[in-house]
Every structure is written in C-alpha cells, then in structure tokens.
N, C-alpha and C. Protein backbone atom coordinates (compact mmCIF):
# COMPACT_ATOMS: atom_id res chain seq x y z
N MET A 1 133.58 74.51 133.78
CA MET A 1 132.31 75.20 133.94
C MET A 1 131.76 75.02 135.36
N LEU A 2 131.93 73.82 135.90
CA LEU A 2 131.43 73.55 137.25
C LEU A 2 132.17 74.40 138.28
N ASN A 3 133.49 74.55 138.14
CA ASN A 3 134.27 75.39 139.06
C ASN A 3 133.83 76.84 138.98
N ARG A 4 133.55 77.30 137.77
CA ARG A 4 133.12 78.70 137.59
C ARG A 4 131.79 78.95 138.29
N THR A 5 130.85 78.03 138.17
CA THR A 5 129.56 78.16 138.84
C THR A 5 129.73 78.16 140.35
N ARG A 6 130.59 77.28 140.85
CA ARG A 6 130.85 77.23 142.29
C ARG A 6 131.49 78.53 142.77
N GLU A 7 132.44 79.06 142.00
CA GLU A 7 133.09 80.33 142.35
C GLU A 7 132.09 81.47 142.35
N GLN A 8 131.17 81.47 141.40
CA GLN A 8 130.15 82.52 141.34
C GLN A 8 129.22 82.43 142.56
N LYS A 9 128.84 81.21 142.93
CA LYS A 9 128.00 81.03 144.12
C LYS A 9 128.72 81.49 145.38
N GLN A 10 130.00 81.16 145.48
CA GLN A 10 130.78 81.59 146.64
C GLN A 10 130.91 83.12 146.68
N ALA A 11 131.12 83.73 145.53
CA ALA A 11 131.23 85.19 145.46
C ALA A 11 129.90 85.84 145.86
N ARG A 12 128.79 85.29 145.39
CA ARG A 12 127.47 85.83 145.77
C ARG A 12 127.23 85.66 147.27
N ARG A 13 127.62 84.51 147.80
CA ARG A 13 127.44 84.27 149.24
C ARG A 13 128.27 85.25 150.05
N ARG A 14 129.53 85.48 149.66
CA ARG A 14 130.36 86.47 150.37
C ARG A 14 129.74 87.85 150.30
N ALA A 15 129.24 88.23 149.13
CA ALA A 15 128.61 89.55 148.96
C ALA A 15 127.36 89.65 149.83
N ASP A 16 126.55 88.59 149.89
CA ASP A 16 125.35 88.59 150.73
C ASP A 16 125.71 88.73 152.20
N ILE A 17 126.76 88.02 152.63
CA ILE A 17 127.20 88.11 154.03
C ILE A 17 127.71 89.51 154.34
N GLN A 18 128.50 90.08 153.46
CA GLN A 18 129.02 91.44 153.68
C GLN A 18 127.88 92.45 153.75
N ARG A 19 126.88 92.31 152.88
CA ARG A 19 125.73 93.22 152.87
C ARG A 19 124.93 93.08 154.17
N ALA A 20 124.69 91.84 154.59
CA ALA A 20 123.95 91.61 155.84
C ALA A 20 124.72 92.17 157.03
N LEU A 21 126.02 91.99 157.04
CA LEU A 21 126.85 92.51 158.13
C LEU A 21 126.81 94.04 158.16
N LEU A 22 126.88 94.67 157.00
CA LEU A 22 126.82 96.13 156.93
C LEU A 22 125.48 96.64 157.45
N HIS A 23 124.38 95.98 157.08
CA HIS A 23 123.05 96.39 157.57
C HIS A 23 122.96 96.22 159.09
N TYR A 24 123.52 95.14 159.60
CA TYR A 24 123.51 94.90 161.04
C TYR A 24 124.31 95.97 161.77
N GLU A 25 125.51 96.26 161.27
CA GLU A 25 126.34 97.30 161.88
C GLU A 25 125.66 98.66 161.80
N ALA A 26 125.00 98.95 160.69
CA ALA A 26 124.31 100.23 160.52
C ALA A 26 123.20 100.38 161.56
N ARG A 27 122.46 99.30 161.78
CA ARG A 27 121.39 99.35 162.78
C ARG A 27 121.96 99.56 164.18
N LEU A 28 123.04 98.82 164.51
CA LEU A 28 123.69 99.02 165.81
C LEU A 28 124.17 100.46 165.96
N GLY A 29 124.78 100.98 164.92
CA GLY A 29 125.25 102.36 164.94
C GLY A 29 124.13 103.36 165.13
N GLY A 30 122.97 103.07 164.56
CA GLY A 30 121.82 103.95 164.71
C GLY A 30 121.28 104.01 166.12
N GLU A 31 121.64 103.03 166.95
CA GLU A 31 121.18 102.98 168.34
C GLU A 31 122.19 103.56 169.32
N LEU A 32 123.29 104.11 168.81
CA LEU A 32 124.35 104.61 169.70
C LEU A 32 123.89 105.67 170.69
N PHE A 33 122.97 106.50 170.27
CA PHE A 33 122.58 107.64 171.11
C PHE A 33 121.18 107.49 171.67
N GLY A 34 120.77 106.24 171.84
CA GLY A 34 119.48 105.98 172.44
C GLY A 34 118.57 105.19 171.52
N PRO A 35 117.42 104.81 172.05
CA PRO A 35 116.48 104.01 171.27
C PRO A 35 115.99 104.78 170.04
N VAL A 36 115.76 104.05 168.98
CA VAL A 36 115.22 104.64 167.75
C VAL A 36 113.71 104.65 167.88
N PRO A 37 113.08 105.84 167.77
CA PRO A 37 111.62 105.91 167.91
C PRO A 37 110.90 105.05 166.87
N LYS A 38 109.72 104.60 167.22
CA LYS A 38 108.91 103.81 166.29
C LYS A 38 108.65 104.64 165.04
N GLY A 39 108.76 104.00 163.90
CA GLY A 39 108.50 104.68 162.63
C GLY A 39 109.71 105.44 162.09
N VAL A 40 110.83 105.37 162.80
CA VAL A 40 112.05 106.06 162.38
C VAL A 40 113.09 105.01 161.98
N ARG A 41 113.77 105.29 160.92
CA ARG A 41 114.91 104.45 160.52
C ARG A 41 116.16 105.29 160.72
N ARG A 42 117.08 104.79 161.51
CA ARG A 42 118.31 105.53 161.78
C ARG A 42 119.48 104.57 161.66
N GLU A 43 120.49 105.00 160.90
CA GLU A 43 121.67 104.16 160.69
C GLU A 43 122.93 105.01 160.77
N PHE A 44 123.97 104.43 161.31
CA PHE A 44 125.29 105.05 161.33
C PHE A 44 126.27 103.93 161.08
N PHE A 45 127.12 104.08 160.06
CA PHE A 45 128.01 102.98 159.72
C PHE A 45 129.24 103.45 158.95
N CYS A 46 130.21 102.57 158.95
CA CYS A 46 131.45 102.79 158.23
C CYS A 46 131.33 102.06 156.90
N LEU A 47 131.26 102.81 155.82
CA LEU A 47 131.11 102.23 154.50
C LEU A 47 132.42 101.63 153.99
N ASP A 48 133.50 102.36 154.22
CA ASP A 48 134.84 101.91 153.85
C ASP A 48 135.82 102.67 154.73
N PRO A 49 137.12 102.42 154.64
CA PRO A 49 138.06 103.07 155.57
C PRO A 49 138.04 104.60 155.59
N HIS A 50 137.43 105.21 154.59
CA HIS A 50 137.44 106.67 154.53
C HIS A 50 136.05 107.29 154.51
N THR A 51 135.00 106.49 154.67
CA THR A 51 133.64 107.00 154.53
C THR A 51 132.73 106.50 155.65
N TRP A 52 132.07 107.45 156.32
CA TRP A 52 131.07 107.15 157.33
C TRP A 52 129.75 107.77 156.89
N VAL A 53 128.64 107.12 157.27
CA VAL A 53 127.32 107.60 156.86
C VAL A 53 126.37 107.61 158.06
N TRP A 54 125.64 108.73 158.19
CA TRP A 54 124.54 108.84 159.14
C TRP A 54 123.30 109.01 158.30
N HIS A 55 122.30 108.13 158.47
CA HIS A 55 121.10 108.16 157.64
C HIS A 55 119.87 108.07 158.55
N GLU A 56 118.90 108.94 158.29
CA GLU A 56 117.64 108.88 159.04
C GLU A 56 116.47 109.05 158.09
N GLU A 57 115.39 108.32 158.40
CA GLU A 57 114.13 108.46 157.68
C GLU A 57 113.02 108.53 158.72
N TRP A 58 112.05 109.42 158.50
CA TRP A 58 110.94 109.58 159.42
C TRP A 58 109.80 110.27 158.69
N ASN A 59 108.64 110.29 159.32
CA ASN A 59 107.51 111.05 158.82
C ASN A 59 107.34 112.26 159.71
N ASP A 60 107.21 113.45 159.10
CA ASP A 60 107.07 114.67 159.90
C ASP A 60 105.64 114.81 160.41
N ALA A 61 105.37 115.91 161.10
CA ALA A 61 104.06 116.13 161.72
C ALA A 61 102.92 116.13 160.70
N GLN A 62 103.23 116.49 159.45
CA GLN A 62 102.22 116.49 158.40
C GLN A 62 102.13 115.15 157.67
N GLY A 63 102.92 114.18 158.12
CA GLY A 63 102.89 112.85 157.52
C GLY A 63 103.77 112.69 156.29
N ARG A 64 104.57 113.72 155.98
CA ARG A 64 105.47 113.63 154.82
C ARG A 64 106.71 112.83 155.19
N HIS A 65 107.12 111.97 154.26
CA HIS A 65 108.31 111.16 154.48
C HIS A 65 109.55 112.04 154.31
N ARG A 66 110.42 112.00 155.29
CA ARG A 66 111.65 112.80 155.27
C ARG A 66 112.85 111.87 155.30
N VAL A 67 113.92 112.30 154.64
CA VAL A 67 115.16 111.54 154.59
C VAL A 67 116.32 112.52 154.74
N MET A 68 117.27 112.18 155.60
CA MET A 68 118.48 112.99 155.73
C MET A 68 119.67 112.05 155.79
N THR A 69 120.58 112.24 154.87
CA THR A 69 121.80 111.44 154.84
C THR A 69 122.99 112.37 154.93
N THR A 70 123.86 112.11 155.88
CA THR A 70 125.10 112.87 156.03
C THR A 70 126.25 111.91 155.76
N ARG A 71 127.10 112.31 154.85
CA ARG A 71 128.27 111.51 154.49
C ARG A 71 129.50 112.22 155.03
N TYR A 72 130.32 111.48 155.75
CA TYR A 72 131.57 112.02 156.29
C TYR A 72 132.73 111.38 155.54
N ASP A 73 133.58 112.18 154.93
CA ASP A 73 134.76 111.68 154.24
C ASP A 73 136.00 112.03 155.04
N VAL A 74 136.76 111.01 155.38
CA VAL A 74 138.00 111.20 156.12
C VAL A 74 139.12 111.36 155.09
N ARG A 75 139.69 112.55 155.06
CA ARG A 75 140.74 112.87 154.08
C ARG A 75 142.04 113.19 154.82
N PRO A 76 143.15 113.13 154.10
CA PRO A 76 144.43 113.47 154.75
C PRO A 76 144.45 114.89 155.33
N THR A 77 143.65 115.76 154.77
CA THR A 77 143.61 117.16 155.23
C THR A 77 142.55 117.41 156.29
N GLY A 78 141.75 116.41 156.62
CA GLY A 78 140.71 116.58 157.63
C GLY A 78 139.45 115.83 157.24
N ILE A 79 138.41 116.03 158.02
CA ILE A 79 137.13 115.36 157.78
C ILE A 79 136.14 116.39 157.25
N VAL A 80 135.47 116.02 156.18
CA VAL A 80 134.45 116.89 155.59
C VAL A 80 133.13 116.13 155.56
N LYS A 81 132.04 116.89 155.48
CA LYS A 81 130.72 116.25 155.43
C LYS A 81 129.91 116.84 154.29
N SER A 82 128.94 116.06 153.88
CA SER A 82 128.00 116.49 152.86
C SER A 82 126.63 115.98 153.28
N GLN A 83 125.63 116.86 153.22
CA GLN A 83 124.26 116.46 153.55
C GLN A 83 123.40 116.67 152.33
N GLY A 84 122.68 115.62 151.97
CA GLY A 84 121.80 115.72 150.81
C GLY A 84 122.60 116.09 149.57
N ASP A 85 122.18 117.15 148.90
CA ASP A 85 122.84 117.60 147.67
C ASP A 85 123.88 118.68 147.92
N SER A 86 124.15 119.01 149.18
CA SER A 86 125.07 120.10 149.47
C SER A 86 126.52 119.72 149.18
N VAL A 87 127.34 120.73 149.02
CA VAL A 87 128.76 120.51 148.78
C VAL A 87 129.43 120.13 150.10
N TYR A 88 130.61 119.57 150.00
CA TYR A 88 131.35 119.19 151.19
C TYR A 88 131.78 120.42 151.96
N GLN A 89 131.71 120.30 153.28
CA GLN A 89 132.19 121.37 154.16
C GLN A 89 132.93 120.77 155.34
N SER A 90 133.85 121.54 155.88
CA SER A 90 134.62 121.07 157.04
C SER A 90 133.72 120.99 158.26
N LEU A 91 134.09 120.13 159.19
CA LEU A 91 133.35 120.02 160.44
C LEU A 91 133.78 121.12 161.39
N SER A 92 132.84 121.62 162.16
CA SER A 92 133.19 122.57 163.22
C SER A 92 133.94 121.79 164.30
N ASP A 93 134.55 122.48 165.23
CA ASP A 93 135.27 121.81 166.32
C ASP A 93 134.33 120.90 167.11
N GLU A 94 133.12 121.39 167.40
CA GLU A 94 132.16 120.59 168.15
C GLU A 94 131.72 119.36 167.35
N GLU A 95 131.46 119.53 166.06
CA GLU A 95 131.09 118.40 165.22
C GLU A 95 132.21 117.37 165.16
N LEU A 96 133.43 117.85 165.09
CA LEU A 96 134.58 116.95 165.04
C LEU A 96 134.68 116.13 166.33
N ARG A 97 134.49 116.77 167.48
CA ARG A 97 134.50 116.05 168.75
C ARG A 97 133.38 115.01 168.80
N ASN A 98 132.18 115.42 168.37
CA ASN A 98 131.04 114.50 168.38
C ASN A 98 131.26 113.32 167.42
N PHE A 99 131.82 113.62 166.26
CA PHE A 99 132.09 112.58 165.27
C PHE A 99 133.10 111.58 165.83
N TYR A 100 134.16 112.08 166.43
CA TYR A 100 135.18 111.22 167.02
C TYR A 100 134.57 110.34 168.13
N ALA A 101 133.73 110.93 168.97
CA ALA A 101 133.07 110.17 170.04
C ALA A 101 132.16 109.09 169.45
N ALA A 102 131.44 109.43 168.37
CA ALA A 102 130.55 108.46 167.72
C ALA A 102 131.34 107.29 167.16
N ILE A 103 132.48 107.57 166.56
CA ILE A 103 133.32 106.50 166.00
C ILE A 103 133.81 105.58 167.12
N GLN A 104 134.22 106.17 168.23
CA GLN A 104 134.69 105.36 169.36
C GLN A 104 133.56 104.47 169.89
N LEU A 105 132.36 105.05 170.08
CA LEU A 105 131.22 104.27 170.56
C LEU A 105 130.87 103.16 169.57
N TYR A 106 130.84 103.50 168.30
CA TYR A 106 130.53 102.54 167.25
C TYR A 106 131.51 101.38 167.29
N SER A 107 132.80 101.70 167.34
CA SER A 107 133.83 100.65 167.34
C SER A 107 133.67 99.71 168.52
N ARG A 108 133.41 100.28 169.70
CA ARG A 108 133.22 99.43 170.88
C ARG A 108 131.97 98.57 170.76
N LYS A 109 130.86 99.19 170.39
CA LYS A 109 129.58 98.47 170.34
C LYS A 109 129.60 97.39 169.26
N VAL A 110 130.03 97.74 168.07
CA VAL A 110 130.05 96.77 166.98
C VAL A 110 131.07 95.67 167.27
N GLY A 111 132.23 96.05 167.78
CA GLY A 111 133.25 95.06 168.11
C GLY A 111 132.76 94.07 169.15
N THR A 112 132.10 94.57 170.19
CA THR A 112 131.56 93.72 171.24
C THR A 112 130.49 92.78 170.69
N GLU A 113 129.61 93.31 169.86
CA GLU A 113 128.54 92.48 169.27
C GLU A 113 129.10 91.40 168.37
N LEU A 114 130.06 91.76 167.55
CA LEU A 114 130.64 90.78 166.63
C LEU A 114 131.39 89.69 167.40
N GLN A 115 132.05 90.06 168.49
CA GLN A 115 132.72 89.05 169.32
C GLN A 115 131.68 88.11 169.93
N ARG A 116 130.59 88.69 170.40
CA ARG A 116 129.53 87.88 171.01
C ARG A 116 128.97 86.89 169.99
N ILE A 117 128.74 87.35 168.78
CA ILE A 117 128.20 86.47 167.73
C ILE A 117 129.23 85.39 167.37
N ALA A 118 130.48 85.78 167.26
CA ALA A 118 131.53 84.82 166.90
C ALA A 118 131.68 83.73 167.96
N GLN A 119 131.41 84.07 169.21
CA GLN A 119 131.53 83.10 170.30
C GLN A 119 130.26 82.26 170.43
N GLY A 120 129.27 82.56 169.61
CA GLY A 120 128.04 81.76 169.61
C GLY A 120 127.10 82.07 170.74
N ALA A 121 127.23 83.27 171.31
CA ALA A 121 126.34 83.62 172.44
C ALA A 121 124.96 83.97 171.97
C-alpha cells in the first residue's frame, strides 16, 4: 500500500511538472511575434507530435470577451487547421510558410529557454 501511494504521488508530480512546462512553453510561443498586449492572453504550443495550437483571448472594443483557438494537425497528407467549430481545412501556401516559420522560431526559443533553465541560469 505504501509503494502504491508513493507511485501515485510521483505520477501526480510528473503530471504537474508536464502541465507547468506546457503552460510555460505556450506563453513563450505566444510571444514569438512580439509583446502580448495588456489584457490579452496569447499562446502557441505543441500539444503532441502531431498537434499545434494557437490560442488568443481578448476583450473587443465593446468589452466583450473573445476567444479564438486554431488547431493545426500534422498529417501524412499535409497540415490542416480548424478554428473554433469549423471543419478542418488545408493551409494555403502562405499559411504553410508562416506555420513552418513559427515552428522553427518556437523550437529555437523554447529550446534555448529550457537549456538556460537546465543550466540553472
């Protein structure tokens, strides 16, 4: 029973660390294209090897809370996206170039930050 409790605590700790790391990476990704304005939440992150997410929340000029989430699925046949409740659609050539550039920037920025943290800087 004692081993089971310890294993459960370790599993919860690993899950907490993974969740915190994902939130940290999402915040870094949200800053890829410049500072995030006050009152705006912007995130860009890799959820798993085949899924990327761009998420933004803000209040519009009338003070209404707005949310836009774009999910990118990397498939063997190409990359498709879905926004909100819409069906998946292929990326245009320009979107594909921008998406590829964002992934490269994300990988460099997150990789550099994680190395810095691992080195205790």
